[in-house]
Amino acid sequence: LEKIDVPYFGIKEAVFPFNMFKNVDPVLGPEMKATGEVMGIADSFSIAFFKAQEASGVRLPLEGKVLITVADKDKPLIVESAKKLVDLGFDILATEGTYKFLKEQGIESSKINKINKGRPNIVDAIKNGDIQLIINTPIGKQSKEDDSYIRSGAIQYKIPYITTTTATKASVDGIAAAIKADYTVKAIQDFHKMLK
């Protein structure tokens, strides 16, 4: 086997038909099957990831408000991404527990109510178009039932949603790269020519 030095990154993304089913919770399970795959290719991992998301129909925002509501175990893992979002000019909305944690970390956010905590709440903000990105990590059966309305609302109103801290980091890095980069479209044949 000959080792080839590849001077670019290729990110493959699965496409799931969540938008075809009303009120479905898009947390992946072992029984789910993708309906297709897309790929993003670029000189950096971040731009390749951003392009793969866009190709799959997920338009990561370059400005606006981001809802962050994560499980306790994920709170420390979200700090870097939340700071980066604020630095990029995004406004953070957070549910009570996440809001308190972010405040302790010195990250500015606005508190927003869950559906059972009064109004205005997350559903109101989703319906009013006040949220451009949702970061929501479930913590099992109880949280899945509790927070599924957030993810279902994201599908219904075509808001990008992220359910893991790993995907959050990749997405935020992709957003940052897309904001700062001046990348151009390049044919796949041109990338292939770069292989030696």
C-alpha atoms as a PDB file:
ATOM      1  CA  LEU A   1       0.000   0.000   0.000  1.00  0.00           C
ATOM      2  CA  GLU A   2       1.278   3.400  -1.000  1.00  0.00           C
ATOM      3  CA  LYS A   3       0.665   6.280   1.386  1.00  0.00           C
ATOM      4  CA  ILE A   4      -0.818   9.329  -0.324  1.00  0.00           C
ATOM      5  CA  ASP A   5      -0.525  12.798   1.155  1.00  0.00           C
ATOM      6  CA  VAL A   6      -3.947  14.435   0.735  1.00  0.00           C
ATOM      7  CA  PRO A   7      -3.703  18.257   0.865  1.00  0.00           C
ATOM      8  CA  TYR A   8      -7.409  18.821   1.625  1.00  0.00           C
ATOM      9  CA  PHE A   9     -10.207  17.539   3.845  1.00  0.00           C
ATOM     10  CA  GLY A  10     -13.334  15.617   2.859  1.00  0.00           C
ATOM     11  CA  ILE A  11     -16.279  15.390   5.260  1.00  0.00           C
ATOM     12  CA  LYS A  12     -19.127  12.985   4.544  1.00  0.00           C
ATOM     13  CA  GLU A  13     -22.515  13.761   6.096  1.00  0.00           C
ATOM     14  CA  ALA A  14     -25.583  11.545   6.247  1.00  0.00           C
ATOM     15  CA  VAL A  15     -28.961  12.967   5.276  1.00  0.00           C
ATOM     16  CA  PHE A  16     -31.952  11.923   7.390  1.00  0.00           C
ATOM     17  CA  PRO A  17     -35.617  12.459   6.410  1.00  0.00           C
ATOM     18  CA  PHE A  18     -36.682  14.095   9.689  1.00  0.00           C
ATOM     19  CA  ASN A  19     -38.518  16.873   7.834  1.00  0.00           C
ATOM     20  CA  MET A  20     -40.853  14.261   6.312  1.00  0.00           C
ATOM     21  CA  PHE A  21     -42.344  13.294   9.670  1.00  0.00           C
ATOM     22  CA  LYS A  22     -44.222  15.852  11.724  1.00  0.00           C
ATOM     23  CA  ASN A  23     -43.413  16.021  15.462  1.00  0.00           C
ATOM     24  CA  VAL A  24     -40.589  13.476  15.233  1.00  0.00           C
ATOM     25  CA  ASP A  25     -37.666  13.752  17.660  1.00  0.00           C
ATOM     26  CA  PRO A  26     -34.415  13.808  15.636  1.00  0.00           C
ATOM     27  CA  VAL A  27     -32.234  12.153  18.275  1.00  0.00           C
ATOM     28  CA  LEU A  28     -30.551   9.328  16.400  1.00  0.00           C
ATOM     29  CA  GLY A  29     -31.214   5.767  17.399  1.00  0.00           C
ATOM     30  CA  PRO A  30     -29.886   2.429  16.128  1.00  0.00           C
ATOM     31  CA  GLU A  31     -32.982   1.806  13.988  1.00  0.00           C
ATOM     32  CA  MET A  32     -32.610   4.980  11.901  1.00  0.00           C
ATOM     33  CA  LYS A  33     -31.379   4.912   8.331  1.00  0.00           C
ATOM     34  CA  ALA A  34     -30.010   7.733   6.223  1.00  0.00           C
ATOM     35  CA  THR A  35     -31.695   8.518   2.922  1.00  0.00           C
ATOM     36  CA  GLY A  36     -28.482   9.713   1.345  1.00  0.00           C
ATOM     37  CA  GLU A  37     -25.045  11.185   1.867  1.00  0.00           C
ATOM     38  CA  VAL A  38     -23.303  14.383   0.856  1.00  0.00           C
ATOM     39  CA  MET A  39     -19.720  15.582   1.040  1.00  0.00           C
ATOM     40  CA  GLY A  40     -17.907  18.823   1.726  1.00  0.00           C
ATOM     41  CA  ILE A  41     -14.338  19.263   0.480  1.00  0.00           C
ATOM     42  CA  ALA A  42     -12.065  22.167   1.407  1.00  0.00           C
ATOM     43  CA  ASP A  43      -8.546  23.119   2.374  1.00  0.00           C
ATOM     44  CA  SER A  44      -9.468  23.043   6.082  1.00  0.00           C
ATOM     45  CA  PHE A  45     -11.512  20.685   8.243  1.00  0.00           C
ATOM     46  CA  SER A  46     -13.728  23.544   9.467  1.00  0.00           C
ATOM     47  CA  ILE A  47     -14.750  24.767   6.023  1.00  0.00           C
ATOM     48  CA  ALA A  48     -15.223  21.185   4.777  1.00  0.00           C
ATOM     49  CA  PHE A  49     -17.534  20.504   7.736  1.00  0.00           C
ATOM     50  CA  PHE A  50     -19.471  23.742   7.117  1.00  0.00           C
ATOM     51  CA  LYS A  51     -19.889  22.853   3.433  1.00  0.00           C
ATOM     52  CA  ALA A  52     -21.019  19.295   4.260  1.00  0.00           C
ATOM     53  CA  GLN A  53     -23.677  20.661   6.608  1.00  0.00           C
ATOM     54  CA  GLU A  54     -24.872  23.080   3.945  1.00  0.00           C
ATOM     55  CA  ALA A  55     -25.001  20.281   1.347  1.00  0.00           C
ATOM     56  CA  SER A  56     -27.139  18.176   3.703  1.00  0.00           C
ATOM     57  CA  GLY A  57     -29.669  21.009   4.002  1.00  0.00           C
ATOM     58  CA  VAL A  58     -28.422  22.356   7.348  1.00  0.00           C
ATOM     59  CA  ARG A  59     -27.603  26.047   6.906  1.00  0.00           C
ATOM     60  CA  LEU A  60     -25.454  26.985   9.868  1.00  0.00           C
ATOM     61  CA  PRO A  61     -26.058  30.663  10.695  1.00  0.00           C
ATOM     62  CA  LEU A  62     -23.421  33.367  10.472  1.00  0.00           C
ATOM     63  CA  GLU A  63     -25.269  35.651  12.919  1.00  0.00           C
ATOM     64  CA  GLY A  64     -28.236  35.731  15.280  1.00  0.00           C
ATOM     65  CA  LYS A  65     -29.281  33.934  18.445  1.00  0.00           C
ATOM     66  CA  VAL A  66     -28.247  30.482  19.622  1.00  0.00           C
ATOM     67  CA  LEU A  67     -30.263  28.445  22.128  1.00  0.00           C
ATOM     68  CA  ILE A  68     -28.031  26.357  24.398  1.00  0.00           C
ATOM     69  CA  THR A  69     -29.643  23.825  26.726  1.00  0.00           C
ATOM     70  CA  VAL A  70     -27.385  20.916  27.610  1.00  0.00           C
ATOM     71  CA  ALA A  71     -27.199  18.033  30.058  1.00  0.00           C
ATOM     72  CA  ASP A  72     -25.125  18.572  33.216  1.00  0.00           C
ATOM     73  CA  LYS A  73     -22.408  16.177  31.996  1.00  0.00           C
ATOM     74  CA  ASP A  74     -22.033  18.256  28.816  1.00  0.00           C
ATOM     75  CA  LYS A  75     -21.877  21.705  30.419  1.00  0.00           C
ATOM     76  CA  PRO A  76     -18.052  21.784  30.831  1.00  0.00           C
ATOM     77  CA  LEU A  77     -17.685  20.589  27.227  1.00  0.00           C
ATOM     78  CA  ILE A  78     -19.770  23.472  25.845  1.00  0.00           C
ATOM     79  CA  VAL A  79     -17.762  26.341  27.378  1.00  0.00           C
ATOM     80  CA  GLU A  80     -15.242  26.791  24.538  1.00  0.00           C
ATOM     81  CA  SER A  81     -17.974  26.778  21.870  1.00  0.00           C
ATOM     82  CA  ALA A  82     -20.206  29.187  23.819  1.00  0.00           C
ATOM     83  CA  LYS A  83     -17.295  31.627  24.276  1.00  0.00           C
ATOM     84  CA  LYS A  84     -16.469  31.422  20.590  1.00  0.00           C
ATOM     85  CA  LEU A  85     -20.100  32.101  19.622  1.00  0.00           C
ATOM     86  CA  VAL A  86     -20.167  35.223  21.813  1.00  0.00           C
ATOM     87  CA  ASP A  87     -16.842  36.362  20.323  1.00  0.00           C
ATOM     88  CA  LEU A  88     -18.355  35.929  16.848  1.00  0.00           C
ATOM     89  CA  GLY A  89     -21.220  38.256  17.793  1.00  0.00           C
ATOM     90  CA  PHE A  90     -23.963  35.715  18.490  1.00  0.00           C
ATOM     91  CA  ASP A  91     -26.439  36.228  21.338  1.00  0.00           C
ATOM     92  CA  ILE A  92     -26.857  33.195  23.607  1.00  0.00           C
ATOM     93  CA  LEU A  93     -30.207  32.095  25.010  1.00  0.00           C
ATOM     94  CA  ALA A  94     -29.976  29.431  27.728  1.00  0.00           C
ATOM     95  CA  THR A  95     -32.366  27.505  29.921  1.00  0.00           C
ATOM     96  CA  GLU A  96     -32.077  27.960  33.685  1.00  0.00           C
ATOM     97  CA  GLY A  97     -29.384  25.381  34.521  1.00  0.00           C
ATOM     98  CA  THR A  98     -27.276  26.149  31.463  1.00  0.00           C
ATOM     99  CA  TYR A  99     -27.730  29.895  32.037  1.00  0.00           C
ATOM    100  CA  LYS A 100     -26.398  29.607  35.608  1.00  0.00           C
ATOM    101  CA  PHE A 101     -23.445  27.510  34.472  1.00  0.00           C
ATOM    102  CA  LEU A 102     -22.518  29.902  31.649  1.00  0.00           C
ATOM    103  CA  LYS A 103     -22.756  32.843  34.046  1.00  0.00           C
ATOM    104  CA  GLU A 104     -20.321  31.082  36.420  1.00  0.00           C
ATOM    105  CA  GLN A 105     -17.936  30.734  33.461  1.00  0.00           C
ATOM    106  CA  GLY A 106     -18.202  34.448  32.660  1.00  0.00           C
ATOM    107  CA  ILE A 107     -20.201  33.856  29.480  1.00  0.00           C
ATOM    108  CA  GLU A 108     -23.014  36.309  28.856  1.00  0.00           C
ATOM    109  CA  SER A 109     -26.408  34.845  27.971  1.00  0.00           C
ATOM    110  CA  SER A 110     -30.110  35.559  28.385  1.00  0.00           C
ATOM    111  CA  LYS A 111     -32.342  33.159  30.292  1.00  0.00           C
ATOM    112  CA  ILE A 112     -35.229  31.575  28.398  1.00  0.00           C
ATOM    113  CA  ASN A 113     -38.018  29.410  29.833  1.00  0.00           C
ATOM    114  CA  LYS A 114     -38.605  25.784  28.977  1.00  0.00           C
ATOM    115  CA  ILE A 115     -42.167  25.043  27.866  1.00  0.00           C
ATOM    116  CA  ASN A 116     -43.353  24.080  31.373  1.00  0.00           C
ATOM    117  CA  LYS A 117     -41.751  27.109  33.116  1.00  0.00           C
ATOM    118  CA  GLY A 118     -43.986  29.908  31.848  1.00  0.00           C
ATOM    119  CA  ARG A 119     -44.051  32.307  28.919  1.00  0.00           C
ATOM    120  CA  PRO A 120     -42.426  33.582  26.846  1.00  0.00           C
ATOM    121  CA  ASN A 121     -40.620  30.300  26.321  1.00  0.00           C
ATOM    122  CA  ILE A 122     -38.525  28.335  23.838  1.00  0.00           C
ATOM    123  CA  VAL A 123     -41.519  27.427  21.681  1.00  0.00           C
ATOM    124  CA  ASP A 124     -42.518  31.100  21.447  1.00  0.00           C
ATOM    125  CA  ALA A 125     -38.967  32.037  20.412  1.00  0.00           C
ATOM    126  CA  ILE A 126     -38.838  29.252  17.798  1.00  0.00           C
ATOM    127  CA  LYS A 127     -42.208  30.235  16.303  1.00  0.00           C
ATOM    128  CA  ASN A 128     -41.239  33.929  16.263  1.00  0.00           C
ATOM    129  CA  GLY A 129     -38.004  33.209  14.357  1.00  0.00           C
ATOM    130  CA  ASP A 130     -35.875  34.459  17.263  1.00  0.00           C
ATOM    131  CA  ILE A 131     -33.506  31.445  17.267  1.00  0.00           C
ATOM    132  CA  GLN A 132     -31.089  30.657  14.435  1.00  0.00           C
ATOM    133  CA  LEU A 133     -29.303  27.626  15.963  1.00  0.00           C
ATOM    134  CA  ILE A 134     -30.202  25.108  18.675  1.00  0.00           C
ATOM    135  CA  ILE A 135     -27.679  23.181  20.774  1.00  0.00           C
ATOM    136  CA  ASN A 136     -29.531  20.608  22.901  1.00  0.00           C
ATOM    137  CA  THR A 137     -27.945  17.462  24.319  1.00  0.00           C
ATOM    138  CA  PRO A 138     -30.395  14.869  25.679  1.00  0.00           C
ATOM    139  CA  ILE A 139     -29.619  12.836  28.821  1.00  0.00           C
ATOM    140  CA  GLY A 140     -31.660   9.730  28.196  1.00  0.00           C
ATOM    141  CA  LYS A 141     -35.302   8.749  28.253  1.00  0.00           C
ATOM    142  CA  GLN A 142     -36.512  11.397  30.696  1.00  0.00           C
ATOM    143  CA  SER A 143     -34.816  14.281  28.875  1.00  0.00           C
ATOM    144  CA  LYS A 144     -35.757  12.873  25.486  1.00  0.00           C
ATOM    145  CA  GLU A 145     -39.429  13.136  26.410  1.00  0.00           C
ATOM    146  CA  ASP A 146     -38.911  16.507  28.089  1.00  0.00           C
ATOM    147  CA  ASP A 147     -36.889  18.248  25.383  1.00  0.00           C
ATOM    148  CA  SER A 148     -38.207  16.542  22.242  1.00  0.00           C
ATOM    149  CA  TYR A 149     -40.449  19.559  21.592  1.00  0.00           C
ATOM    150  CA  ILE A 150     -37.313  21.680  21.132  1.00  0.00           C
ATOM    151  CA  ARG A 151     -35.856  19.393  18.482  1.00  0.00           C
ATOM    152  CA  SER A 152     -39.262  18.854  16.808  1.00  0.00           C
ATOM    153  CA  GLY A 153     -39.748  22.633  16.664  1.00  0.00           C
ATOM    154  CA  ALA A 154     -36.320  22.961  15.070  1.00  0.00           C
ATOM    155  CA  ILE A 155     -37.358  20.587  12.288  1.00  0.00           C
ATOM    156  CA  GLN A 156     -40.732  22.235  11.765  1.00  0.00           C
ATOM    157  CA  TYR A 157     -39.236  25.737  11.554  1.00  0.00           C
ATOM    158  CA  LYS A 158     -36.050  24.654   9.727  1.00  0.00           C
ATOM    159  CA  ILE A 159     -33.641  25.711  12.469  1.00  0.00           C
ATOM    160  CA  PRO A 160     -30.299  23.891  12.559  1.00  0.00           C
ATOM    161  CA  TYR A 161     -30.034  21.762  15.707  1.00  0.00           C
ATOM    162  CA  ILE A 162     -27.084  19.985  17.282  1.00  0.00           C
ATOM    163  CA  THR A 163     -27.403  17.164  19.823  1.00  0.00           C
ATOM    164  CA  THR A 164     -23.764  16.418  20.764  1.00  0.00           C
ATOM    165  CA  THR A 165     -20.859  18.485  22.089  1.00  0.00           C
ATOM    166  CA  THR A 166     -18.543  17.099  19.398  1.00  0.00           C
ATOM    167  CA  ALA A 167     -20.842  18.276  16.614  1.00  0.00           C
ATOM    168  CA  THR A 168     -21.222  21.596  18.445  1.00  0.00           C
ATOM    169  CA  LYS A 169     -17.467  22.184  18.386  1.00  0.00           C
ATOM    170  CA  ALA A 170     -17.195  21.249  14.711  1.00  0.00           C
ATOM    171  CA  SER A 171     -20.191  23.431  13.821  1.00  0.00           C
ATOM    172  CA  VAL A 172     -18.961  26.480  15.746  1.00  0.00           C
ATOM    173  CA  ASP A 173     -15.475  26.098  14.252  1.00  0.00           C
ATOM    174  CA  GLY A 174     -17.116  25.822  10.812  1.00  0.00           C
ATOM    175  CA  ILE A 175     -19.183  28.957  11.419  1.00  0.00           C
ATOM    176  CA  ALA A 176     -16.082  30.855  12.561  1.00  0.00           C
ATOM    177  CA  ALA A 177     -14.137  29.715   9.501  1.00  0.00           C
ATOM    178  CA  ALA A 178     -16.994  30.608   7.143  1.00  0.00           C
ATOM    179  CA  ILE A 179     -17.291  34.094   8.663  1.00  0.00           C
ATOM    180  CA  LYS A 180     -13.547  34.728   8.366  1.00  0.00           C
ATOM    181  CA  ALA A 181     -12.729  32.814   5.179  1.00  0.00           C
ATOM    182  CA  ASP A 182     -13.002  33.879   1.602  1.00  0.00           C
ATOM    183  CA  TYR A 183     -13.333  30.455   0.060  1.00  0.00           C
ATOM    184  CA  THR A 184     -14.344  29.795  -3.521  1.00  0.00           C
ATOM    185  CA  VAL A 185     -16.120  26.914  -5.185  1.00  0.00           C
ATOM    186  CA  LYS A 186     -13.731  24.413  -6.709  1.00  0.00           C
ATOM    187  CA  ALA A 187     -14.581  21.417  -8.899  1.00  0.00           C
ATOM    188  CA  ILE A 188     -13.893  17.984  -7.438  1.00  0.00           C
ATOM    189  CA  GLN A 189     -11.605  17.365 -10.423  1.00  0.00           C
ATOM    190  CA  ASP A 190      -9.441  20.291  -9.270  1.00  0.00           C
ATOM    191  CA  PHE A 191      -9.095  18.708  -5.834  1.00  0.00           C
ATOM    192  CA  HIS A 192      -8.212  15.402  -7.475  1.00  0.00           C
ATOM    193  CA  LYS A 193      -5.427  17.128  -9.455  1.00  0.00           C
ATOM    194  CA  MET A 194      -3.866  18.178  -6.145  1.00  0.00           C
ATOM    195  CA  LEU A 195      -3.083  14.522  -5.302  1.00  0.00           C
ATOM    196  CA  LYS A 196       0.494  13.530  -6.066  1.00  0.00           C
END
